[in-house]
Amino acid sequence: MAGGLSSRRILIVNPRLQFRYLVLPLVVAATTASCLFLLFVVQAQSLKTLAATQKDEFLVQELSSAQFLAVVTHGAVLLAHMGLILWLGIVASHRIAGPLYRLKRTMEQVTAGDRKVRFSVREKDQLGDVAELFNEMMDAVASREEELRAAVAKAADESRR
């Protein structure tokens, strides 16, 4: 089942698990935004104090407009950054949550009696080694079931004689 993002039907497969992968980067981005905001506030106060000591109204207006432009620009960049973090976090967490979701569904099929089912992951997903081990396990189970059936059939033949 190799494929890129275009083959994904849904991105939020396991909200609890994926949320955990999104919280930390978003907290870091929010903390960065808060620190920058505080930096701008302190800088604005310093510039107003400097302008007030110079008693130059034009300087105060220029500094205020430059400060406002800087806050708006940085705010827009931070919002875009947080959106990017959110999107990348969803995509990255889906590479773990998606295979876990499919593994759970595959295990439910095995529990229901389907011994021929196999687990596969996309090329870029995590848990490729788990998929291999699961499939090897199912092959071993099928082999042992065959051996057991053969032994039961042989014992039944011997008991009929």
N, C-alpha and C. Protein backbone atom coordinates (compact mmCIF):
# COMPACT_ATOMS: atom_id res chain seq x y z
N MET A 1 0.82 -1.19 0.00
CA MET A 1 0.00 0.00 0.00
C MET A 1 0.86 1.25 0.00
N ALA A 2 1.77 1.32 -0.88
CA ALA A 2 2.62 2.49 -0.94
C ALA A 2 1.84 3.66 -1.49
N GLY A 3 2.14 4.82 -1.01
CA GLY A 3 1.45 6.00 -1.50
C GLY A 3 1.82 7.20 -0.66
N GLY A 4 1.54 8.35 -1.19
CA GLY A 4 1.84 9.58 -0.49
C GLY A 4 0.63 10.05 0.29
N LEU A 5 0.62 11.34 0.58
CA LEU A 5 -0.47 11.91 1.34
C LEU A 5 -1.78 11.84 0.57
N SER A 6 -1.72 11.80 -0.73
CA SER A 6 -2.94 11.78 -1.52
C SER A 6 -3.74 10.51 -1.30
N SER A 7 -3.11 9.44 -0.82
CA SER A 7 -3.83 8.19 -0.60
C SER A 7 -4.50 8.16 0.78
N ARG A 8 -4.27 9.15 1.60
CA ARG A 8 -4.88 9.19 2.92
C ARG A 8 -6.31 9.71 2.81
N ARG A 9 -7.22 9.00 3.45
CA ARG A 9 -8.61 9.44 3.43
C ARG A 9 -8.89 10.42 4.56
N ILE A 10 -8.39 10.12 5.75
CA ILE A 10 -8.59 11.01 6.88
C ILE A 10 -7.25 11.21 7.58
N LEU A 11 -7.04 12.39 8.11
CA LEU A 11 -5.78 12.67 8.79
C LEU A 11 -5.87 12.46 10.30
N ILE A 12 -7.04 12.66 10.87
CA ILE A 12 -7.19 12.45 12.31
C ILE A 12 -7.80 11.07 12.51
N VAL A 13 -6.93 10.10 12.78
CA VAL A 13 -7.36 8.71 12.94
C VAL A 13 -7.56 8.40 14.42
N ASN A 14 -6.64 8.86 15.24
CA ASN A 14 -6.68 8.61 16.68
C ASN A 14 -6.47 9.96 17.38
N PRO A 15 -7.54 10.69 17.65
CA PRO A 15 -7.40 12.05 18.18
C PRO A 15 -6.56 12.14 19.46
N ARG A 16 -6.74 11.20 20.39
CA ARG A 16 -5.97 11.26 21.64
C ARG A 16 -4.47 11.16 21.39
N LEU A 17 -4.09 10.17 20.59
CA LEU A 17 -2.67 9.96 20.30
C LEU A 17 -2.10 11.13 19.51
N GLN A 18 -2.80 11.54 18.48
CA GLN A 18 -2.30 12.61 17.63
C GLN A 18 -2.27 13.95 18.36
N PHE A 19 -3.22 14.18 19.26
CA PHE A 19 -3.24 15.41 20.03
C PHE A 19 -1.96 15.54 20.86
N ARG A 20 -1.50 14.41 21.40
CA ARG A 20 -0.26 14.44 22.20
C ARG A 20 0.92 14.93 21.38
N TYR A 21 0.96 14.57 20.11
CA TYR A 21 2.07 14.99 19.26
C TYR A 21 1.94 16.44 18.82
N LEU A 22 0.76 17.01 18.95
CA LEU A 22 0.55 18.38 18.54
C LEU A 22 0.72 19.38 19.68
N VAL A 23 0.48 18.94 20.90
CA VAL A 23 0.50 19.86 22.04
C VAL A 23 1.87 20.48 22.25
N LEU A 24 2.90 19.69 22.31
CA LEU A 24 4.23 20.23 22.61
C LEU A 24 4.69 21.27 21.58
N PRO A 25 4.64 20.98 20.28
CA PRO A 25 5.06 22.02 19.33
C PRO A 25 4.20 23.28 19.40
N LEU A 26 2.90 23.13 19.65
CA LEU A 26 2.04 24.31 19.75
C LEU A 26 2.33 25.10 21.03
N VAL A 27 2.66 24.41 22.11
CA VAL A 27 3.03 25.10 23.34
C VAL A 27 4.33 25.88 23.13
N VAL A 28 5.28 25.28 22.43
CA VAL A 28 6.54 25.97 22.13
C VAL A 28 6.27 27.21 21.28
N ALA A 29 5.42 27.07 20.27
CA ALA A 29 5.10 28.22 19.40
C ALA A 29 4.37 29.31 20.18
N ALA A 30 3.43 28.92 21.05
CA ALA A 30 2.70 29.90 21.85
C ALA A 30 3.64 30.60 22.83
N THR A 31 4.57 29.86 23.42
CA THR A 31 5.54 30.46 24.34
C THR A 31 6.43 31.45 23.59
N THR A 32 6.85 31.07 22.40
CA THR A 32 7.66 31.97 21.57
C THR A 32 6.88 33.23 21.25
N ALA A 33 5.61 33.08 20.90
CA ALA A 33 4.77 34.23 20.58
C ALA A 33 4.62 35.14 21.80
N SER A 34 4.43 34.55 22.97
CA SER A 34 4.29 35.34 24.19
C SER A 34 5.56 36.11 24.51
N CYS A 35 6.70 35.44 24.36
CA CYS A 35 7.99 36.11 24.61
C CYS A 35 8.20 37.27 23.64
N LEU A 36 7.89 37.05 22.38
CA LEU A 36 8.03 38.14 21.40
C LEU A 36 7.08 39.29 21.71
N PHE A 37 5.87 38.97 22.12
CA PHE A 37 4.92 40.01 22.47
C PHE A 37 5.45 40.84 23.64
N LEU A 38 5.97 40.16 24.67
CA LEU A 38 6.54 40.88 25.82
C LEU A 38 7.74 41.73 25.40
N LEU A 39 8.55 41.18 24.49
CA LEU A 39 9.69 41.95 23.98
C LEU A 39 9.22 43.21 23.27
N PHE A 40 8.16 43.11 22.48
CA PHE A 40 7.62 44.28 21.79
C PHE A 40 7.05 45.30 22.78
N VAL A 41 6.40 44.83 23.82
CA VAL A 41 5.85 45.74 24.82
C VAL A 41 6.96 46.49 25.52
N VAL A 42 8.00 45.78 25.94
CA VAL A 42 9.13 46.43 26.61
C VAL A 42 9.82 47.41 25.66
N GLN A 43 10.00 47.00 24.42
CA GLN A 43 10.63 47.86 23.43
C GLN A 43 9.78 49.11 23.17
N ALA A 44 8.47 48.93 23.10
CA ALA A 44 7.58 50.07 22.86
C ALA A 44 7.66 51.06 24.02
N GLN A 45 7.70 50.55 25.23
CA GLN A 45 7.81 51.45 26.39
C GLN A 45 9.14 52.19 26.38
N SER A 46 10.20 51.49 26.02
CA SER A 46 11.52 52.13 25.96
C SER A 46 11.55 53.21 24.90
N LEU A 47 10.97 52.91 23.74
CA LEU A 47 10.95 53.89 22.66
C LEU A 47 10.09 55.10 23.01
N LYS A 48 8.97 54.88 23.69
CA LYS A 48 8.12 56.00 24.10
C LYS A 48 8.83 56.87 25.13
N THR A 49 9.54 56.22 26.03
CA THR A 49 10.30 56.97 27.03
C THR A 49 11.38 57.80 26.36
N LEU A 50 12.07 57.18 25.40
CA LEU A 50 13.12 57.90 24.67
C LEU A 50 12.53 59.07 23.89
N ALA A 51 11.42 58.83 23.23
CA ALA A 51 10.79 59.89 22.43
C ALA A 51 10.27 61.01 23.33
N ALA A 52 9.75 60.64 24.52
CA ALA A 52 9.23 61.66 25.44
C ALA A 52 10.36 62.53 25.96
N THR A 53 11.51 61.96 26.19
CA THR A 53 12.64 62.77 26.67
C THR A 53 13.15 63.69 25.58
N GLN A 54 12.97 63.28 24.32
CA GLN A 54 13.39 64.12 23.20
C GLN A 54 12.35 65.20 22.88
N LYS A 55 11.13 64.99 23.36
CA LYS A 55 10.02 65.91 23.14
C LYS A 55 9.81 66.19 21.66
N ASP A 56 9.88 65.09 20.89
CA ASP A 56 9.69 65.21 19.44
C ASP A 56 8.46 64.40 19.05
N GLU A 57 7.36 65.08 18.74
CA GLU A 57 6.10 64.42 18.42
C GLU A 57 6.21 63.59 17.15
N PHE A 58 6.94 64.06 16.15
CA PHE A 58 7.10 63.33 14.90
C PHE A 58 7.83 62.01 15.15
N LEU A 59 8.85 62.05 15.98
CA LEU A 59 9.61 60.84 16.33
C LEU A 59 8.71 59.84 17.04
N VAL A 60 7.86 60.31 17.94
CA VAL A 60 6.95 59.43 18.67
C VAL A 60 5.99 58.74 17.69
N GLN A 61 5.44 59.50 16.74
CA GLN A 61 4.52 58.92 15.76
C GLN A 61 5.23 57.90 14.87
N GLU A 62 6.41 58.22 14.41
CA GLU A 62 7.17 57.30 13.55
C GLU A 62 7.52 56.01 14.29
N LEU A 63 7.96 56.17 15.53
CA LEU A 63 8.30 54.99 16.32
C LEU A 63 7.06 54.13 16.60
N SER A 64 5.95 54.77 16.88
CA SER A 64 4.70 54.03 17.13
C SER A 64 4.25 53.27 15.90
N SER A 65 4.32 53.92 14.73
CA SER A 65 3.88 53.23 13.51
C SER A 65 4.84 52.10 13.15
N ALA A 66 6.14 52.31 13.36
CA ALA A 66 7.11 51.24 13.10
C ALA A 66 6.89 50.08 14.05
N GLN A 67 6.60 50.39 15.31
CA GLN A 67 6.35 49.36 16.31
C GLN A 67 5.09 48.58 15.95
N PHE A 68 4.04 49.27 15.54
CA PHE A 68 2.79 48.60 15.16
C PHE A 68 3.02 47.69 13.96
N LEU A 69 3.74 48.16 12.96
CA LEU A 69 4.04 47.35 11.78
C LEU A 69 4.84 46.10 12.16
N ALA A 70 5.79 46.26 13.06
CA ALA A 70 6.60 45.12 13.50
C ALA A 70 5.73 44.09 14.24
N VAL A 71 4.83 44.56 15.10
CA VAL A 71 3.95 43.65 15.84
C VAL A 71 3.04 42.90 14.88
N VAL A 72 2.44 43.61 13.93
CA VAL A 72 1.54 42.96 12.97
C VAL A 72 2.30 41.96 12.11
N THR A 73 3.47 42.32 11.63
CA THR A 73 4.27 41.42 10.80
C THR A 73 4.67 40.17 11.57
N HIS A 74 5.19 40.35 12.76
CA HIS A 74 5.59 39.20 13.56
C HIS A 74 4.38 38.35 13.96
N GLY A 75 3.27 38.99 14.24
CA GLY A 75 2.05 38.24 14.56
C GLY A 75 1.60 37.38 13.39
N ALA A 76 1.64 37.94 12.19
CA ALA A 76 1.25 37.17 11.00
C ALA A 76 2.20 36.00 10.78
N VAL A 77 3.49 36.24 10.94
CA VAL A 77 4.48 35.17 10.77
C VAL A 77 4.26 34.08 11.82
N LEU A 78 3.99 34.47 13.06
CA LEU A 78 3.76 33.48 14.11
C LEU A 78 2.48 32.68 13.86
N LEU A 79 1.43 33.33 13.38
CA LEU A 79 0.20 32.60 13.06
C LEU A 79 0.45 31.60 11.93
N ALA A 80 1.18 32.02 10.91
CA ALA A 80 1.52 31.11 9.81
C ALA A 80 2.38 29.96 10.33
N HIS A 81 3.31 30.29 11.20
CA HIS A 81 4.19 29.28 11.80
C HIS A 81 3.38 28.27 12.60
N MET A 82 2.43 28.73 13.40
CA MET A 82 1.61 27.83 14.20
C MET A 82 0.73 26.96 13.29
N GLY A 83 0.23 27.52 12.20
CA GLY A 83 -0.54 26.72 11.25
C GLY A 83 0.31 25.64 10.62
N LEU A 84 1.54 25.98 10.27
CA LEU A 84 2.46 25.01 9.70
C LEU A 84 2.79 23.92 10.71
N ILE A 85 3.03 24.31 11.94
CA ILE A 85 3.30 23.33 13.00
C ILE A 85 2.12 22.39 13.16
N LEU A 86 0.92 22.95 13.15
CA LEU A 86 -0.28 22.13 13.29
C LEU A 86 -0.40 21.14 12.14
N TRP A 87 -0.23 21.61 10.91
CA TRP A 87 -0.35 20.73 9.75
C TRP A 87 0.73 19.64 9.76
N LEU A 88 1.97 20.02 9.98
CA LEU A 88 3.06 19.03 10.01
C LEU A 88 2.88 18.05 11.17
N GLY A 89 2.39 18.53 12.29
CA GLY A 89 2.14 17.65 13.43
C GLY A 89 1.07 16.61 13.12
N ILE A 90 0.02 17.04 12.43
CA ILE A 90 -1.04 16.10 12.06
C ILE A 90 -0.49 15.05 11.09
N VAL A 91 0.24 15.51 10.08
CA VAL A 91 0.78 14.57 9.08
C VAL A 91 1.77 13.61 9.73
N ALA A 92 2.68 14.13 10.56
CA ALA A 92 3.68 13.27 11.20
C ALA A 92 3.03 12.28 12.17
N SER A 93 2.06 12.76 12.95
CA SER A 93 1.42 11.85 13.91
C SER A 93 0.56 10.81 13.19
N HIS A 94 0.07 11.17 12.02
CA HIS A 94 -0.74 10.20 11.27
C HIS A 94 0.10 9.02 10.81
N ARG A 95 1.38 9.23 10.64
CA ARG A 95 2.27 8.13 10.23
C ARG A 95 2.43 7.10 11.33
N ILE A 96 2.06 7.47 12.54
CA ILE A 96 2.07 6.50 13.65
C ILE A 96 0.64 6.05 13.94
N ALA A 97 -0.27 7.01 14.05
CA ALA A 97 -1.65 6.68 14.41
C ALA A 97 -2.33 5.86 13.32
N GLY A 98 -2.05 6.15 12.06
CA GLY A 98 -2.68 5.42 10.96
C GLY A 98 -2.33 3.93 10.98
N PRO A 99 -1.04 3.58 11.03
CA PRO A 99 -0.69 2.16 11.12
C PRO A 99 -1.24 1.48 12.37
N LEU A 100 -1.26 2.18 13.50
CA LEU A 100 -1.82 1.58 14.72
C LEU A 100 -3.31 1.31 14.53
N TYR A 101 -4.01 2.22 13.88
CA TYR A 101 -5.43 2.03 13.60
C TYR A 101 -5.64 0.82 12.69
N ARG A 102 -4.83 0.72 11.64
CA ARG A 102 -4.96 -0.42 10.71
C ARG A 102 -4.57 -1.73 11.39
N LEU A 103 -3.55 -1.70 12.26
CA LEU A 103 -3.16 -2.90 13.00
C LEU A 103 -4.30 -3.37 13.90
N LYS A 104 -4.94 -2.43 14.56
CA LYS A 104 -6.08 -2.78 15.42
C LYS A 104 -7.19 -3.42 14.60
N ARG A 105 -7.51 -2.84 13.45
CA ARG A 105 -8.56 -3.41 12.59
C ARG A 105 -8.16 -4.80 12.10
N THR A 106 -6.89 -4.98 11.74
CA THR A 106 -6.41 -6.28 11.28
C THR A 106 -6.50 -7.32 12.39
N MET A 107 -6.13 -6.93 13.60
CA MET A 107 -6.21 -7.84 14.74
C MET A 107 -7.67 -8.21 15.04
N GLU A 108 -8.59 -7.27 14.86
CA GLU A 108 -10.01 -7.58 15.04
C GLU A 108 -10.46 -8.61 14.00
N GLN A 109 -9.95 -8.51 12.78
CA GLN A 109 -10.29 -9.49 11.74
C GLN A 109 -9.77 -10.87 12.11
N VAL A 110 -8.54 -10.92 12.64
CA VAL A 110 -7.96 -12.20 13.07
C VAL A 110 -8.80 -12.78 14.20
N THR A 111 -9.19 -11.94 15.16
CA THR A 111 -10.03 -12.40 16.28
C THR A 111 -11.36 -12.95 15.78
N ALA A 112 -11.86 -12.35 14.71
CA ALA A 112 -13.13 -12.82 14.13
C ALA A 112 -12.97 -14.11 13.34
N GLY A 113 -11.72 -14.57 13.14
CA GLY A 113 -11.51 -15.85 12.49
C GLY A 113 -10.82 -15.80 11.14
N ASP A 114 -10.50 -14.63 10.63
CA ASP A 114 -9.84 -14.51 9.33
C ASP A 114 -8.34 -14.68 9.52
N ARG A 115 -7.82 -15.86 9.21
CA ARG A 115 -6.39 -16.15 9.39
C ARG A 115 -5.56 -15.78 8.16
N LYS A 116 -6.21 -15.40 7.09
CA LYS A 116 -5.48 -15.06 5.86
C LYS A 116 -5.15 -13.57 5.76
N VAL A 117 -5.67 -12.78 6.69
CA VAL A 117 -5.47 -11.34 6.65
C VAL A 117 -4.00 -11.00 6.94
N ARG A 118 -3.50 -9.98 6.28
CA ARG A 118 -2.13 -9.52 6.50
C ARG A 118 -2.15 -8.02 6.75
N PHE A 119 -1.14 -7.55 7.46
CA PHE A 119 -1.03 -6.14 7.84
C PHE A 119 -0.01 -5.46 6.94
N SER A 120 -0.40 -4.36 6.35
CA SER A 120 0.53 -3.62 5.50
C SER A 120 0.51 -2.15 5.88
N VAL A 121 1.63 -1.50 5.64
CA VAL A 121 1.74 -0.06 5.91
C VAL A 121 2.20 0.65 4.65
N ARG A 122 1.96 1.95 4.62
CA ARG A 122 2.44 2.75 3.50
C ARG A 122 3.95 2.89 3.61
N GLU A 123 4.55 3.25 2.51
CA GLU A 123 6.01 3.36 2.45
C GLU A 123 6.57 4.29 3.52
N LYS A 124 5.94 5.45 3.71
CA LYS A 124 6.49 6.45 4.63
C LYS A 124 5.98 6.31 6.05
N ASP A 125 5.05 5.40 6.30
CA ASP A 125 4.52 5.21 7.65
C ASP A 125 5.55 4.53 8.54
N GLN A 126 5.35 4.71 9.82
CA GLN A 126 6.18 4.02 10.80
C GLN A 126 5.62 2.61 10.99
N LEU A 127 6.24 1.83 11.80
CA LEU A 127 5.79 0.48 12.17
C LEU A 127 5.94 -0.54 11.05
N GLY A 128 6.81 -0.31 10.10
CA GLY A 128 7.06 -1.29 9.05
C GLY A 128 7.55 -2.60 9.61
N ASP A 129 8.43 -2.54 10.63
CA ASP A 129 8.94 -3.76 11.24
C ASP A 129 7.84 -4.51 11.99
N VAL A 130 6.90 -3.78 12.57
CA VAL A 130 5.76 -4.41 13.24
C VAL A 130 4.89 -5.13 12.22
N ALA A 131 4.69 -4.52 11.06
CA ALA A 131 3.90 -5.16 10.00
C ALA A 131 4.56 -6.46 9.57
N GLU A 132 5.90 -6.43 9.39
CA GLU A 132 6.62 -7.64 9.01
C GLU A 132 6.47 -8.74 10.05
N LEU A 133 6.65 -8.38 11.32
CA LEU A 133 6.53 -9.36 12.41
C LEU A 133 5.10 -9.91 12.50
N PHE A 134 4.13 -9.05 12.34
CA PHE A 134 2.73 -9.51 12.38
C PHE A 134 2.47 -10.52 11.28
N ASN A 135 2.93 -10.21 10.08
CA ASN A 135 2.71 -11.12 8.95
C ASN A 135 3.46 -12.44 9.14
N GLU A 136 4.68 -12.37 9.69
CA GLU A 136 5.42 -13.60 9.99
C GLU A 136 4.67 -14.43 11.04
N MET A 137 4.13 -13.75 12.04
CA MET A 137 3.37 -14.43 13.08
C MET A 137 2.14 -15.12 12.48
N MET A 138 1.44 -14.44 11.59
CA MET A 138 0.26 -15.03 10.96
C MET A 138 0.65 -16.23 10.09
N ASP A 139 1.79 -16.14 9.41
CA ASP A 139 2.27 -17.29 8.62
C ASP A 139 2.58 -18.47 9.53
N ALA A 140 3.22 -18.19 10.69
CA ALA A 140 3.54 -19.25 11.64
C ALA A 140 2.27 -19.86 12.22
N VAL A 141 1.27 -19.03 12.51
CA VAL A 141 0.00 -19.54 13.03
C VAL A 141 -0.66 -20.43 11.98
N ALA A 142 -0.66 -19.98 10.73
CA ALA A 142 -1.27 -20.78 9.65
C ALA A 142 -0.53 -22.11 9.50
N SER A 143 0.80 -22.07 9.57
CA SER A 143 1.60 -23.29 9.46
C SER A 143 1.29 -24.25 10.60
N ARG A 144 1.21 -23.72 11.82
CA ARG A 144 0.93 -24.57 12.98
C ARG A 144 -0.50 -25.12 12.92
N GLU A 145 -1.43 -24.32 12.40
CA GLU A 145 -2.80 -24.83 12.25
C GLU A 145 -2.83 -25.98 11.25
N GLU A 146 -2.06 -25.85 10.17
CA GLU A 146 -1.97 -26.93 9.18
C GLU A 146 -1.39 -28.19 9.80
N GLU A 147 -0.30 -28.02 10.56
CA GLU A 147 0.32 -29.16 11.23
C GLU A 147 -0.66 -29.82 12.19
N LEU A 148 -1.40 -28.99 12.93
CA LEU A 148 -2.37 -29.52 13.90
C LEU A 148 -3.50 -30.26 13.18
N ARG A 149 -3.98 -29.70 12.09
CA ARG A 149 -5.03 -30.37 11.31
C ARG A 149 -4.53 -31.71 10.76
N ALA A 150 -3.30 -31.71 10.27
CA ALA A 150 -2.72 -32.95 9.73
C ALA A 150 -2.59 -33.99 10.85
N ALA A 151 -2.14 -33.54 12.04
CA ALA A 151 -2.00 -34.47 13.17
C ALA A 151 -3.35 -35.01 13.61
N VAL A 152 -4.36 -34.16 13.64
CA VAL A 152 -5.71 -34.59 14.02
C VAL A 152 -6.26 -35.56 12.99
N ALA A 153 -6.05 -35.26 11.71
CA ALA A 153 -6.52 -36.16 10.65
C ALA A 153 -5.83 -37.51 10.74
N LYS A 154 -4.51 -37.49 11.00
CA LYS A 154 -3.75 -38.73 11.13
C LYS A 154 -4.24 -39.54 12.33
N ALA A 155 -4.49 -38.85 13.44
CA ALA A 155 -4.98 -39.56 14.63
C ALA A 155 -6.38 -40.12 14.38
N ALA A 156 -7.20 -39.37 13.66
CA ALA A 156 -8.55 -39.88 13.34
C ALA A 156 -8.46 -41.10 12.44
N ASP A 157 -7.53 -41.08 11.45
CA ASP A 157 -7.36 -42.24 10.57
C ASP A 157 -6.89 -43.46 11.36
N GLU A 158 -5.94 -43.25 12.27
CA GLU A 158 -5.41 -44.36 13.07
C GLU A 158 -6.48 -44.92 14.01
N SER A 159 -7.33 -44.06 14.53
CA SER A 159 -8.35 -44.55 15.46
C SER A 159 -9.45 -45.31 14.72
N ARG A 160 -9.65 -45.04 13.46
CA ARG A 160 -10.65 -45.76 12.66
C ARG A 160 -10.16 -47.15 12.29
N ARG A 161 -8.90 -47.35 12.26
CA ARG A 161 -8.34 -48.65 11.88
C ARG A 161 -8.42 -49.61 12.98
